[in-house]
C-alpha cells in the first residue's frame, strides 16, 4: 500500500481533485477552438497561409499550459491544506501534461460539433458529467474489465482518459510508485489522445476549416 496506510481521507481524494481540475479544460479548450467560428474570424484564417495543424496546435499548446498551471496550483493548495506529498514531480507533470492533451483533444471534438460558446455549455455538459463522475475523479468506481492488454484491465470507463489518469496519480501520490509502475496508464492515455485528436481534427476541418 506504500504510504497510503498513514494518509487521511483528504489525502486519498487529492488525485481525483487534480484530475477534476484538468477536466475543466474541456470547456476552455472547446470554447477557444470555436470562438474563431463564432466571431467569424475563421474566414481570415482560411484565407491566410496558416495551416489547420498550426491553428489547432497553437491553441492546444496554450491550453496545455493552462492545464499544467491548474494542476500545479491545485496541488500547491492541497499541500498547504495538509496533503502529504510524495512521488516524483517529473512523473506528476508528465501524467498531467498527457491528460491535459487528451482533454483538449476531446474538447476539439465538442468544438467540431458546435458553433458557439453557448452551444458548448449545453452540449459539453454530458461528456463533462461522464468524465467527472464516471472515471473515478469524484469517487472510486469499480467495474468488471471488458478485456486486458498485456495484463492491464480495461473497462467501459477505460475509453475515457481521466480513468487512467486517476489510476496513475493514485499510484504516484498515494502509493509512492515510480514511472515504470504507471507506464500502462500512460500508454492508454497516449493511445486515446491520438484517437481523440484524429476524430476531432477531422471533424473540425470538415465543419469549420473547409474552404467552399
N, C-alpha and C. Protein backbone atom coordinates (compact mmCIF):
# COMPACT_ATOMS: atom_id res chain seq x y z
N UNK A 1 0.81 -1.21 0.00
CA UNK A 1 0.00 0.00 0.00
C UNK A 1 0.85 1.27 0.00
N UNK A 2 2.18 1.13 0.09
CA UNK A 2 3.02 2.32 0.10
C UNK A 2 2.77 3.17 1.32
N UNK A 3 2.55 4.48 1.11
CA UNK A 3 2.31 5.39 2.23
C UNK A 3 0.84 5.56 2.54
N UNK A 4 -0.05 4.86 1.82
CA UNK A 4 -1.48 5.08 1.97
C UNK A 4 -1.99 4.70 3.36
N UNK A 5 -1.24 3.86 4.08
CA UNK A 5 -1.70 3.43 5.39
C UNK A 5 -1.71 4.55 6.42
N UNK A 6 -0.96 5.63 6.19
CA UNK A 6 -0.91 6.73 7.14
C UNK A 6 -1.53 8.01 6.59
N UNK A 7 -2.24 7.92 5.47
CA UNK A 7 -2.83 9.10 4.86
C UNK A 7 -4.26 9.31 5.36
N UNK A 8 -4.68 10.57 5.35
CA UNK A 8 -6.03 10.92 5.77
C UNK A 8 -6.99 10.77 4.60
N UNK A 9 -8.28 10.93 4.88
CA UNK A 9 -9.28 10.87 3.82
C UNK A 9 -9.05 11.97 2.79
N UNK A 10 -8.62 13.14 3.26
CA UNK A 10 -8.33 14.24 2.34
C UNK A 10 -7.20 13.87 1.39
N UNK A 11 -6.15 13.27 1.93
CA UNK A 11 -5.03 12.85 1.10
C UNK A 11 -5.49 11.89 -0.01
N UNK A 12 -6.41 11.01 0.34
CA UNK A 12 -6.86 10.00 -0.61
C UNK A 12 -7.66 10.57 -1.78
N UNK A 13 -8.31 11.73 -1.57
CA UNK A 13 -9.13 12.30 -2.65
C UNK A 13 -8.37 13.31 -3.50
N UNK A 14 -7.16 13.67 -3.10
CA UNK A 14 -6.40 14.67 -3.85
C UNK A 14 -6.15 14.27 -5.30
N UNK A 15 -5.77 13.01 -5.60
CA UNK A 15 -5.58 12.64 -7.02
C UNK A 15 -6.81 12.91 -7.87
N UNK A 16 -7.99 12.61 -7.35
CA UNK A 16 -9.22 12.88 -8.08
C UNK A 16 -9.46 14.36 -8.28
N UNK A 17 -9.11 15.17 -7.25
CA UNK A 17 -9.28 16.62 -7.36
C UNK A 17 -8.37 17.19 -8.45
N UNK A 18 -7.15 16.65 -8.54
CA UNK A 18 -6.23 17.10 -9.58
C UNK A 18 -6.78 16.81 -10.97
N UNK A 19 -7.34 15.62 -11.14
CA UNK A 19 -7.93 15.26 -12.44
C UNK A 19 -9.16 16.11 -12.73
N UNK A 20 -9.94 16.38 -11.69
CA UNK A 20 -11.13 17.22 -11.87
C UNK A 20 -10.74 18.60 -12.39
N UNK A 21 -9.61 19.14 -11.89
CA UNK A 21 -9.16 20.45 -12.37
C UNK A 21 -8.79 20.40 -13.85
N UNK A 22 -8.30 19.25 -14.31
CA UNK A 22 -7.96 19.11 -15.73
C UNK A 22 -9.19 18.93 -16.60
N UNK A 23 -10.20 18.27 -16.06
CA UNK A 23 -11.42 18.04 -16.84
C UNK A 23 -12.08 19.36 -17.22
N UNK A 24 -11.88 20.40 -16.41
CA UNK A 24 -12.44 21.71 -16.72
C UNK A 24 -11.89 22.26 -18.04
N UNK A 25 -10.74 21.74 -18.48
CA UNK A 25 -10.18 22.17 -19.77
C UNK A 25 -11.12 21.85 -20.93
N UNK A 26 -12.03 20.90 -20.71
CA UNK A 26 -12.97 20.53 -21.77
C UNK A 26 -13.73 21.75 -22.27
N UNK A 27 -14.10 22.65 -21.34
CA UNK A 27 -14.85 23.84 -21.72
C UNK A 27 -13.94 24.94 -22.26
N UNK A 28 -12.82 25.21 -21.58
CA UNK A 28 -11.96 26.29 -22.04
C UNK A 28 -11.34 25.98 -23.40
N UNK A 29 -10.97 24.72 -23.62
CA UNK A 29 -10.37 24.34 -24.91
C UNK A 29 -11.40 24.40 -26.03
N UNK A 30 -12.58 23.83 -25.81
CA UNK A 30 -13.59 23.81 -26.87
C UNK A 30 -14.06 25.23 -27.20
N UNK A 31 -14.17 26.10 -26.19
CA UNK A 31 -14.56 27.49 -26.45
C UNK A 31 -13.46 28.21 -27.22
N UNK A 32 -12.20 27.93 -26.89
CA UNK A 32 -11.08 28.53 -27.62
C UNK A 32 -11.10 28.11 -29.09
N UNK A 33 -11.40 26.84 -29.35
CA UNK A 33 -11.46 26.35 -30.73
C UNK A 33 -12.63 26.95 -31.51
N UNK A 34 -13.77 27.13 -30.84
CA UNK A 34 -14.98 27.55 -31.56
C UNK A 34 -15.15 29.06 -31.58
N UNK A 35 -14.38 29.79 -30.77
CA UNK A 35 -14.56 31.24 -30.72
C UNK A 35 -14.26 31.90 -32.06
N UNK A 36 -13.28 31.34 -32.81
CA UNK A 36 -12.97 31.89 -34.13
C UNK A 36 -14.14 31.71 -35.08
N UNK A 37 -14.86 30.63 -34.91
CA UNK A 37 -16.04 30.38 -35.75
C UNK A 37 -17.16 31.33 -35.35
N UNK A 38 -17.39 31.46 -34.05
CA UNK A 38 -18.47 32.31 -33.56
C UNK A 38 -18.23 33.77 -33.91
N UNK A 39 -16.97 34.22 -33.86
CA UNK A 39 -16.64 35.62 -34.15
C UNK A 39 -16.40 35.87 -35.63
N UNK A 40 -16.52 34.80 -36.43
CA UNK A 40 -16.36 34.86 -37.88
C UNK A 40 -14.95 35.25 -38.33
N UNK A 41 -14.00 35.20 -37.42
CA UNK A 41 -12.61 35.45 -37.81
C UNK A 41 -11.99 34.21 -38.46
N UNK A 42 -12.72 33.10 -38.45
CA UNK A 42 -12.23 31.87 -39.07
C UNK A 42 -12.03 32.07 -40.57
N UNK A 43 -12.80 33.00 -41.17
CA UNK A 43 -12.67 33.25 -42.61
C UNK A 43 -11.28 33.82 -42.95
N UNK A 44 -10.77 34.69 -42.08
CA UNK A 44 -9.43 35.23 -42.31
C UNK A 44 -8.38 34.14 -42.20
N UNK A 45 -8.59 33.23 -41.24
CA UNK A 45 -7.64 32.13 -41.08
C UNK A 45 -7.67 31.20 -42.29
N UNK A 46 -8.86 31.01 -42.85
CA UNK A 46 -8.99 30.16 -44.03
C UNK A 46 -8.21 30.74 -45.21
N UNK A 47 -8.23 32.07 -45.32
CA UNK A 47 -7.61 32.73 -46.46
C UNK A 47 -6.12 33.01 -46.23
N UNK A 48 -5.66 32.84 -45.03
CA UNK A 48 -4.24 33.07 -44.73
C UNK A 48 -3.44 31.81 -45.03
N UNK A 49 -2.15 31.89 -44.80
CA UNK A 49 -1.28 30.73 -45.03
C UNK A 49 -1.17 29.83 -43.80
N UNK A 50 -1.93 30.15 -42.76
CA UNK A 50 -1.92 29.33 -41.55
C UNK A 50 -2.55 27.96 -41.83
N UNK A 51 -1.82 26.92 -41.51
CA UNK A 51 -2.35 25.57 -41.74
C UNK A 51 -3.30 25.17 -40.62
N UNK A 52 -4.13 24.18 -40.90
CA UNK A 52 -5.06 23.68 -39.89
C UNK A 52 -4.31 23.14 -38.69
N UNK A 53 -3.22 22.40 -38.96
CA UNK A 53 -2.45 21.83 -37.85
C UNK A 53 -1.79 22.93 -37.02
N UNK A 54 -1.35 24.01 -37.67
CA UNK A 54 -0.75 25.13 -36.95
C UNK A 54 -1.76 25.84 -36.08
N UNK A 55 -2.96 26.03 -36.61
CA UNK A 55 -4.03 26.69 -35.86
C UNK A 55 -4.44 25.85 -34.65
N UNK A 56 -4.72 24.57 -34.89
CA UNK A 56 -5.15 23.69 -33.80
C UNK A 56 -4.03 23.46 -32.80
N UNK A 57 -2.78 23.34 -33.30
CA UNK A 57 -1.64 23.12 -32.42
C UNK A 57 -1.36 24.31 -31.52
N UNK A 58 -1.51 25.53 -32.07
CA UNK A 58 -1.27 26.72 -31.27
C UNK A 58 -2.22 26.83 -30.10
N UNK A 59 -3.50 26.59 -30.35
CA UNK A 59 -4.49 26.63 -29.28
C UNK A 59 -4.22 25.52 -28.27
N UNK A 60 -3.85 24.35 -28.77
CA UNK A 60 -3.60 23.21 -27.88
C UNK A 60 -2.44 23.50 -26.92
N UNK A 61 -1.39 24.13 -27.41
CA UNK A 61 -0.23 24.44 -26.56
C UNK A 61 -0.61 25.42 -25.46
N UNK A 62 -1.39 26.44 -25.82
CA UNK A 62 -1.83 27.41 -24.82
C UNK A 62 -2.68 26.73 -23.76
N UNK A 63 -3.61 25.87 -24.19
CA UNK A 63 -4.47 25.17 -23.25
C UNK A 63 -3.68 24.18 -22.40
N UNK A 64 -2.62 23.60 -22.97
CA UNK A 64 -1.75 22.71 -22.20
C UNK A 64 -1.11 23.46 -21.03
N UNK A 65 -0.63 24.66 -21.31
CA UNK A 65 -0.04 25.48 -20.25
C UNK A 65 -1.06 25.81 -19.17
N UNK A 66 -2.29 26.08 -19.60
CA UNK A 66 -3.36 26.35 -18.64
C UNK A 66 -3.61 25.13 -17.77
N UNK A 67 -3.62 23.94 -18.38
CA UNK A 67 -3.85 22.71 -17.64
C UNK A 67 -2.75 22.43 -16.63
N UNK A 68 -1.50 22.60 -17.04
CA UNK A 68 -0.38 22.36 -16.13
C UNK A 68 -0.41 23.35 -14.96
N UNK A 69 -0.70 24.61 -15.26
CA UNK A 69 -0.79 25.62 -14.21
C UNK A 69 -1.92 25.28 -13.24
N UNK A 70 -3.04 24.80 -13.79
CA UNK A 70 -4.18 24.42 -12.95
C UNK A 70 -3.81 23.29 -11.99
N UNK A 71 -3.10 22.28 -12.51
CA UNK A 71 -2.69 21.15 -11.66
C UNK A 71 -1.72 21.60 -10.58
N UNK A 72 -0.73 22.41 -10.97
CA UNK A 72 0.27 22.86 -10.01
C UNK A 72 -0.36 23.70 -8.90
N UNK A 73 -1.29 24.60 -9.27
CA UNK A 73 -1.95 25.42 -8.26
C UNK A 73 -2.85 24.58 -7.36
N UNK A 74 -3.53 23.60 -7.95
CA UNK A 74 -4.39 22.72 -7.15
C UNK A 74 -3.56 21.89 -6.19
N UNK A 75 -2.43 21.35 -6.69
CA UNK A 75 -1.55 20.56 -5.84
C UNK A 75 -0.94 21.40 -4.73
N UNK A 76 -0.53 22.62 -5.07
CA UNK A 76 0.03 23.52 -4.06
C UNK A 76 -1.00 23.83 -2.98
N UNK A 77 -2.24 24.08 -3.40
CA UNK A 77 -3.31 24.34 -2.43
C UNK A 77 -3.53 23.14 -1.52
N UNK A 78 -3.51 21.94 -2.11
CA UNK A 78 -3.70 20.72 -1.31
C UNK A 78 -2.57 20.56 -0.30
N UNK A 79 -1.33 20.86 -0.71
CA UNK A 79 -0.18 20.76 0.20
C UNK A 79 -0.33 21.75 1.34
N UNK A 80 -0.76 22.98 1.03
CA UNK A 80 -0.95 24.00 2.06
C UNK A 80 -2.05 23.60 3.04
N UNK A 81 -3.00 22.78 2.57
CA UNK A 81 -4.09 22.32 3.42
C UNK A 81 -3.74 21.04 4.17
N UNK A 82 -2.51 20.56 3.99
CA UNK A 82 -2.07 19.41 4.76
C UNK A 82 -1.83 18.13 3.99
N UNK A 83 -1.93 18.16 2.65
CA UNK A 83 -1.69 16.96 1.86
C UNK A 83 -0.24 16.53 1.99
N UNK A 84 -0.03 15.25 2.25
CA UNK A 84 1.32 14.70 2.41
C UNK A 84 1.84 14.28 1.04
N UNK A 85 2.57 15.18 0.40
CA UNK A 85 3.03 14.95 -0.97
C UNK A 85 4.15 13.91 -1.01
N UNK A 86 4.06 13.01 -1.98
CA UNK A 86 5.13 12.05 -2.26
C UNK A 86 5.10 11.75 -3.75
N UNK A 87 6.13 11.12 -4.24
CA UNK A 87 6.17 10.80 -5.66
C UNK A 87 7.07 11.76 -6.42
N UNK A 88 7.41 11.37 -7.64
CA UNK A 88 8.30 12.16 -8.49
C UNK A 88 7.55 13.34 -9.12
N UNK A 89 8.04 14.58 -8.95
CA UNK A 89 7.40 15.73 -9.60
C UNK A 89 7.39 15.61 -11.12
N UNK A 90 8.47 15.06 -11.68
CA UNK A 90 8.55 14.91 -13.14
C UNK A 90 7.46 13.97 -13.65
N UNK A 91 7.21 12.88 -12.93
CA UNK A 91 6.18 11.93 -13.34
C UNK A 91 4.79 12.55 -13.22
N UNK A 92 4.59 13.33 -12.17
CA UNK A 92 3.31 14.03 -11.99
C UNK A 92 3.06 14.98 -13.16
N UNK A 93 4.08 15.75 -13.53
CA UNK A 93 3.94 16.70 -14.65
C UNK A 93 3.70 15.96 -15.95
N UNK A 94 4.39 14.84 -16.16
CA UNK A 94 4.20 14.06 -17.38
C UNK A 94 2.77 13.57 -17.51
N UNK A 95 2.23 12.98 -16.45
CA UNK A 95 0.85 12.48 -16.48
C UNK A 95 -0.13 13.63 -16.65
N UNK A 96 0.12 14.74 -15.95
CA UNK A 96 -0.76 15.90 -16.06
C UNK A 96 -0.75 16.47 -17.47
N UNK A 97 0.43 16.53 -18.10
CA UNK A 97 0.54 17.05 -19.45
C UNK A 97 -0.18 16.18 -20.46
N UNK A 98 0.02 14.88 -20.38
CA UNK A 98 -0.65 13.96 -21.30
C UNK A 98 -2.16 13.99 -21.11
N UNK A 99 -2.59 14.06 -19.87
CA UNK A 99 -4.03 14.12 -19.59
C UNK A 99 -4.62 15.42 -20.12
N UNK A 100 -3.88 16.52 -19.96
CA UNK A 100 -4.33 17.80 -20.50
C UNK A 100 -4.54 17.72 -22.00
N UNK A 101 -3.57 17.13 -22.70
CA UNK A 101 -3.70 16.98 -24.15
C UNK A 101 -4.93 16.15 -24.51
N UNK A 102 -5.20 15.11 -23.72
CA UNK A 102 -6.35 14.26 -24.02
C UNK A 102 -7.67 15.02 -23.85
N UNK A 103 -7.76 15.84 -22.80
CA UNK A 103 -8.97 16.63 -22.58
C UNK A 103 -9.12 17.69 -23.66
N UNK A 104 -8.00 18.31 -24.06
CA UNK A 104 -8.01 19.28 -25.16
C UNK A 104 -8.49 18.63 -26.45
N UNK A 105 -8.00 17.41 -26.70
CA UNK A 105 -8.42 16.69 -27.90
C UNK A 105 -9.91 16.41 -27.88
N UNK A 106 -10.43 16.02 -26.72
CA UNK A 106 -11.86 15.77 -26.63
C UNK A 106 -12.64 17.08 -26.77
N UNK A 107 -12.06 18.17 -26.25
CA UNK A 107 -12.69 19.48 -26.42
C UNK A 107 -12.78 19.86 -27.89
N UNK A 108 -11.80 19.41 -28.68
CA UNK A 108 -11.83 19.68 -30.12
C UNK A 108 -13.01 18.96 -30.78
N UNK A 109 -13.33 17.77 -30.30
CA UNK A 109 -14.50 17.04 -30.82
C UNK A 109 -15.77 17.83 -30.53
N UNK A 110 -15.88 18.35 -29.31
CA UNK A 110 -17.06 19.13 -28.94
C UNK A 110 -17.15 20.39 -29.79
N UNK A 111 -16.00 21.06 -30.00
CA UNK A 111 -15.97 22.27 -30.81
C UNK A 111 -16.40 21.99 -32.25
N UNK A 112 -16.03 20.81 -32.75
CA UNK A 112 -16.39 20.46 -34.12
C UNK A 112 -17.89 20.25 -34.28
N UNK A 113 -18.56 19.92 -33.20
CA UNK A 113 -20.00 19.65 -33.25
C UNK A 113 -20.84 20.87 -32.90
N UNK A 114 -20.19 21.99 -32.57
CA UNK A 114 -20.92 23.19 -32.16
C UNK A 114 -20.42 24.39 -32.95
N UNK A 115 -21.13 25.52 -32.77
CA UNK A 115 -20.76 26.74 -33.47
C UNK A 115 -20.71 27.97 -32.58
N UNK A 116 -20.93 27.79 -31.29
CA UNK A 116 -20.88 28.93 -30.38
C UNK A 116 -20.57 28.46 -28.97
N UNK A 117 -20.13 29.41 -28.13
CA UNK A 117 -19.84 29.08 -26.74
C UNK A 117 -21.10 28.63 -26.01
N UNK A 118 -22.23 29.22 -26.37
CA UNK A 118 -23.50 28.82 -25.76
C UNK A 118 -23.83 27.36 -26.04
N UNK A 119 -23.60 26.92 -27.26
CA UNK A 119 -23.85 25.53 -27.61
C UNK A 119 -22.91 24.60 -26.86
N UNK A 120 -21.66 25.04 -26.68
CA UNK A 120 -20.69 24.22 -25.95
C UNK A 120 -21.14 24.00 -24.52
N UNK A 121 -21.65 25.05 -23.87
CA UNK A 121 -22.08 24.94 -22.49
C UNK A 121 -23.26 23.98 -22.34
N UNK A 122 -24.01 23.79 -23.41
CA UNK A 122 -25.13 22.84 -23.39
C UNK A 122 -24.65 21.43 -23.76
N UNK A 123 -24.00 21.32 -24.92
CA UNK A 123 -23.55 20.02 -25.41
C UNK A 123 -22.45 19.43 -24.52
N UNK A 124 -21.57 20.29 -24.02
CA UNK A 124 -20.43 19.80 -23.25
C UNK A 124 -20.77 19.29 -21.86
N UNK A 125 -21.97 19.59 -21.37
CA UNK A 125 -22.34 19.15 -20.02
C UNK A 125 -22.38 17.63 -19.90
N UNK A 126 -22.83 16.95 -20.96
CA UNK A 126 -22.96 15.49 -20.89
C UNK A 126 -21.60 14.81 -20.79
N UNK A 127 -20.65 15.08 -21.71
CA UNK A 127 -19.33 14.44 -21.55
C UNK A 127 -18.61 14.90 -20.29
N UNK A 128 -18.82 16.16 -19.88
CA UNK A 128 -18.20 16.63 -18.64
C UNK A 128 -18.70 15.81 -17.45
N UNK A 129 -20.00 15.55 -17.43
CA UNK A 129 -20.60 14.74 -16.36
C UNK A 129 -20.00 13.34 -16.35
N UNK A 130 -19.84 12.74 -17.52
CA UNK A 130 -19.26 11.40 -17.61
C UNK A 130 -17.80 11.40 -17.15
N UNK A 131 -17.02 12.36 -17.63
CA UNK A 131 -15.60 12.42 -17.28
C UNK A 131 -15.40 12.70 -15.79
N UNK A 132 -16.29 13.51 -15.20
CA UNK A 132 -16.11 13.91 -13.81
C UNK A 132 -16.58 12.85 -12.82
N UNK A 133 -17.68 12.14 -13.16
CA UNK A 133 -18.30 11.27 -12.16
C UNK A 133 -18.23 9.78 -12.48
N UNK A 134 -17.76 9.42 -13.67
CA UNK A 134 -17.70 8.00 -14.02
C UNK A 134 -16.30 7.55 -14.38
N UNK A 135 -15.31 8.28 -13.94
CA UNK A 135 -13.92 7.90 -14.20
C UNK A 135 -13.12 7.70 -12.92
N UNK A 136 -13.75 7.96 -11.77
CA UNK A 136 -13.05 7.84 -10.50
C UNK A 136 -12.52 9.16 -10.00
N UNK A 137 -12.74 10.25 -10.74
CA UNK A 137 -12.26 11.57 -10.32
C UNK A 137 -13.02 12.06 -9.10
N UNK A 138 -14.34 11.87 -9.09
CA UNK A 138 -15.16 12.35 -7.98
C UNK A 138 -15.20 11.35 -6.83
N UNK A 139 -15.30 10.05 -7.16
CA UNK A 139 -15.33 9.00 -6.15
C UNK A 139 -14.91 7.69 -6.82
N UNK A 140 -14.37 6.76 -6.05
CA UNK A 140 -13.89 5.50 -6.64
C UNK A 140 -15.01 4.71 -7.31
N UNK A 141 -14.70 4.16 -8.48
CA UNK A 141 -15.66 3.33 -9.21
C UNK A 141 -14.96 2.04 -9.62
N UNK A 142 -15.57 0.93 -9.29
CA UNK A 142 -15.04 -0.37 -9.68
C UNK A 142 -16.02 -1.06 -10.62
N UNK A 143 -15.54 -1.54 -11.73
CA UNK A 143 -16.39 -2.26 -12.67
C UNK A 143 -15.58 -3.39 -13.31
N UNK A 144 -16.29 -4.34 -13.87
CA UNK A 144 -15.65 -5.51 -14.44
C UNK A 144 -14.90 -5.15 -15.72
N UNK A 145 -13.71 -5.69 -15.86
CA UNK A 145 -12.89 -5.42 -17.04
C UNK A 145 -13.51 -6.08 -18.27
N UNK A 146 -13.53 -5.34 -19.38
CA UNK A 146 -14.03 -5.89 -20.64
C UNK A 146 -12.98 -6.78 -21.30
N UNK A 147 -11.71 -6.35 -21.18
CA UNK A 147 -10.60 -7.12 -21.72
C UNK A 147 -9.32 -6.63 -21.07
N UNK A 148 -8.24 -7.29 -21.33
CA UNK A 148 -6.94 -6.88 -20.80
C UNK A 148 -5.94 -6.70 -21.93
N UNK A 149 -5.03 -5.77 -21.75
CA UNK A 149 -3.95 -5.54 -22.70
C UNK A 149 -2.64 -5.72 -21.96
N UNK A 150 -1.93 -6.80 -22.27
CA UNK A 150 -0.67 -7.12 -21.58
C UNK A 150 -0.87 -7.16 -20.07
N UNK A 151 -2.01 -7.69 -19.65
CA UNK A 151 -2.30 -7.82 -18.23
C UNK A 151 -2.95 -6.60 -17.61
N UNK A 152 -3.09 -5.49 -18.37
CA UNK A 152 -3.71 -4.26 -17.85
C UNK A 152 -5.20 -4.30 -18.15
N UNK A 153 -6.07 -4.31 -17.12
CA UNK A 153 -7.51 -4.41 -17.35
C UNK A 153 -8.10 -3.13 -17.91
N UNK A 154 -9.01 -3.25 -18.87
CA UNK A 154 -9.68 -2.10 -19.48
C UNK A 154 -11.19 -2.33 -19.38
N UNK A 155 -11.89 -1.41 -18.71
CA UNK A 155 -13.34 -1.48 -18.60
C UNK A 155 -13.98 -0.41 -19.47
N UNK A 156 -15.31 -0.27 -19.36
CA UNK A 156 -16.00 0.70 -20.21
C UNK A 156 -15.54 2.12 -19.91
N UNK A 157 -15.20 2.40 -18.63
CA UNK A 157 -14.70 3.72 -18.29
C UNK A 157 -13.31 3.96 -18.86
N UNK A 158 -12.64 2.88 -19.25
CA UNK A 158 -11.31 2.99 -19.80
C UNK A 158 -11.26 3.69 -21.15
N UNK A 159 -12.42 3.94 -21.75
CA UNK A 159 -12.48 4.69 -23.00
C UNK A 159 -12.33 6.18 -22.74
N UNK A 160 -12.35 6.58 -21.47
CA UNK A 160 -12.16 7.97 -21.09
C UNK A 160 -10.81 8.11 -20.38
N UNK A 161 -9.96 8.99 -20.88
CA UNK A 161 -8.60 9.10 -20.36
C UNK A 161 -8.50 9.45 -18.87
N UNK A 162 -9.42 10.23 -18.29
CA UNK A 162 -9.29 10.51 -16.86
C UNK A 162 -9.29 9.26 -15.98
N UNK A 163 -9.89 8.18 -16.45
CA UNK A 163 -9.88 6.92 -15.71
C UNK A 163 -8.44 6.46 -15.47
N UNK A 164 -7.63 6.50 -16.51
CA UNK A 164 -6.24 6.06 -16.40
C UNK A 164 -5.40 7.10 -15.67
N UNK A 165 -5.76 8.38 -15.82
CA UNK A 165 -5.01 9.43 -15.13
C UNK A 165 -5.22 9.34 -13.61
N UNK A 166 -6.45 9.07 -13.19
CA UNK A 166 -6.73 8.91 -11.76
C UNK A 166 -5.93 7.74 -11.20
N UNK A 167 -5.91 6.63 -11.95
CA UNK A 167 -5.14 5.47 -11.52
C UNK A 167 -3.65 5.80 -11.40
N UNK A 168 -3.14 6.55 -12.38
CA UNK A 168 -1.72 6.92 -12.37
C UNK A 168 -1.40 7.83 -11.18
N UNK A 169 -2.23 8.82 -10.93
CA UNK A 169 -1.99 9.73 -9.81
C UNK A 169 -2.10 9.01 -8.46
N UNK A 170 -3.01 8.05 -8.38
CA UNK A 170 -3.11 7.27 -7.15
C UNK A 170 -1.82 6.49 -6.89
N UNK A 171 -1.27 5.91 -7.95
CA UNK A 171 -0.03 5.16 -7.81
C UNK A 171 1.13 6.08 -7.42
N UNK A 172 1.17 7.28 -8.04
CA UNK A 172 2.29 8.18 -7.79
C UNK A 172 2.19 8.86 -6.43
N UNK A 173 1.02 9.45 -6.15
CA UNK A 173 0.87 10.30 -4.96
C UNK A 173 0.47 9.54 -3.71
N UNK A 174 -0.25 8.42 -3.88
CA UNK A 174 -0.73 7.68 -2.72
C UNK A 174 0.18 6.49 -2.40
N UNK A 175 0.55 5.73 -3.44
CA UNK A 175 1.37 4.54 -3.20
C UNK A 175 2.85 4.75 -3.46
N UNK A 176 3.22 6.00 -3.82
CA UNK A 176 4.62 6.39 -3.99
C UNK A 176 5.35 5.48 -4.98
N UNK A 177 4.71 5.19 -6.11
CA UNK A 177 5.32 4.37 -7.14
C UNK A 177 6.07 5.24 -8.14
N UNK A 178 6.95 4.62 -8.91
CA UNK A 178 7.75 5.37 -9.86
C UNK A 178 7.19 5.27 -11.27
N UNK A 179 7.91 5.82 -12.24
CA UNK A 179 7.44 5.89 -13.63
C UNK A 179 7.10 4.53 -14.24
N UNK A 180 7.96 3.51 -14.11
CA UNK A 180 7.61 2.21 -14.72
C UNK A 180 6.27 1.65 -14.25
N UNK A 181 5.88 1.96 -13.03
CA UNK A 181 4.62 1.43 -12.48
C UNK A 181 3.40 2.03 -13.16
N UNK A 182 3.55 3.24 -13.73
CA UNK A 182 2.39 3.90 -14.35
C UNK A 182 2.48 3.88 -15.87
N UNK A 183 3.41 3.13 -16.43
CA UNK A 183 3.54 3.07 -17.88
C UNK A 183 2.28 2.53 -18.57
N UNK A 184 1.58 1.51 -18.01
CA UNK A 184 0.34 1.07 -18.66
C UNK A 184 -0.69 2.20 -18.78
N UNK A 185 -0.84 3.00 -17.71
CA UNK A 185 -1.77 4.12 -17.76
C UNK A 185 -1.33 5.17 -18.78
N UNK A 186 -0.04 5.45 -18.81
CA UNK A 186 0.48 6.45 -19.75
C UNK A 186 0.26 6.00 -21.19
N UNK A 187 0.50 4.73 -21.47
CA UNK A 187 0.30 4.21 -22.83
C UNK A 187 -1.16 4.32 -23.24
N UNK A 188 -2.08 4.00 -22.33
CA UNK A 188 -3.51 4.10 -22.64
C UNK A 188 -3.92 5.55 -22.88
N UNK A 189 -3.38 6.47 -22.08
CA UNK A 189 -3.71 7.89 -22.27
C UNK A 189 -3.22 8.37 -23.64
N UNK A 190 -2.01 7.96 -24.01
CA UNK A 190 -1.44 8.37 -25.31
C UNK A 190 -2.28 7.82 -26.46
N UNK A 191 -2.66 6.56 -26.39
CA UNK A 191 -3.46 5.94 -27.46
C UNK A 191 -4.80 6.64 -27.61
N UNK A 192 -5.49 6.86 -26.48
CA UNK A 192 -6.79 7.52 -26.54
C UNK A 192 -6.68 8.97 -27.00
N UNK A 193 -5.60 9.65 -26.60
CA UNK A 193 -5.41 11.04 -27.02
C UNK A 193 -5.24 11.13 -28.53
N UNK A 194 -4.46 10.22 -29.09
CA UNK A 194 -4.27 10.19 -30.54
C UNK A 194 -5.62 9.97 -31.25
N UNK A 195 -6.41 9.04 -30.74
CA UNK A 195 -7.73 8.77 -31.33
C UNK A 195 -8.64 9.99 -31.22
N UNK A 196 -8.61 10.65 -30.06
CA UNK A 196 -9.42 11.86 -29.88
C UNK A 196 -9.01 12.94 -30.87
N UNK A 197 -7.70 13.16 -31.01
CA UNK A 197 -7.22 14.22 -31.91
C UNK A 197 -7.54 13.90 -33.37
N UNK A 198 -7.40 12.64 -33.75
CA UNK A 198 -7.73 12.27 -35.14
C UNK A 198 -9.20 12.52 -35.43
N UNK A 199 -10.06 12.11 -34.51
CA UNK A 199 -11.50 12.32 -34.70
C UNK A 199 -11.84 13.80 -34.65
N UNK A 200 -11.35 14.51 -33.65
CA UNK A 200 -11.66 15.93 -33.51
C UNK A 200 -11.10 16.76 -34.64
N UNK A 201 -9.85 16.50 -35.03
CA UNK A 201 -9.23 17.26 -36.11
C UNK A 201 -9.95 17.06 -37.43
N UNK A 202 -10.33 15.83 -37.71
CA UNK A 202 -11.04 15.55 -38.96
C UNK A 202 -12.40 16.24 -38.99
N UNK A 203 -13.14 16.15 -37.90
CA UNK A 203 -14.46 16.79 -37.83
C UNK A 203 -14.35 18.30 -37.89
N UNK A 204 -13.37 18.86 -37.18
CA UNK A 204 -13.22 20.32 -37.14
C UNK A 204 -12.84 20.87 -38.51
N UNK A 205 -11.92 20.19 -39.18
CA UNK A 205 -11.54 20.64 -40.53
C UNK A 205 -12.73 20.60 -41.47
N UNK A 206 -13.51 19.54 -41.39
CA UNK A 206 -14.64 19.37 -42.30
C UNK A 206 -15.73 20.42 -42.05
N UNK A 207 -16.00 20.72 -40.78
CA UNK A 207 -17.09 21.63 -40.46
C UNK A 207 -16.70 23.09 -40.44
N UNK A 208 -15.47 23.41 -40.00
CA UNK A 208 -15.12 24.81 -39.77
C UNK A 208 -13.95 25.34 -40.60
N UNK A 209 -13.11 24.48 -41.13
CA UNK A 209 -11.93 24.94 -41.84
C UNK A 209 -11.97 24.66 -43.33
N UNK A 210 -12.98 23.98 -43.78
CA UNK A 210 -13.06 23.61 -45.20
C UNK A 210 -13.47 24.82 -46.03
N UNK A 211 -12.65 25.15 -47.01
CA UNK A 211 -12.99 26.26 -47.92
C UNK A 211 -14.06 25.81 -48.91
N UNK A 212 -15.07 26.66 -49.10
CA UNK A 212 -16.14 26.34 -50.04
C UNK A 212 -16.19 27.36 -51.15
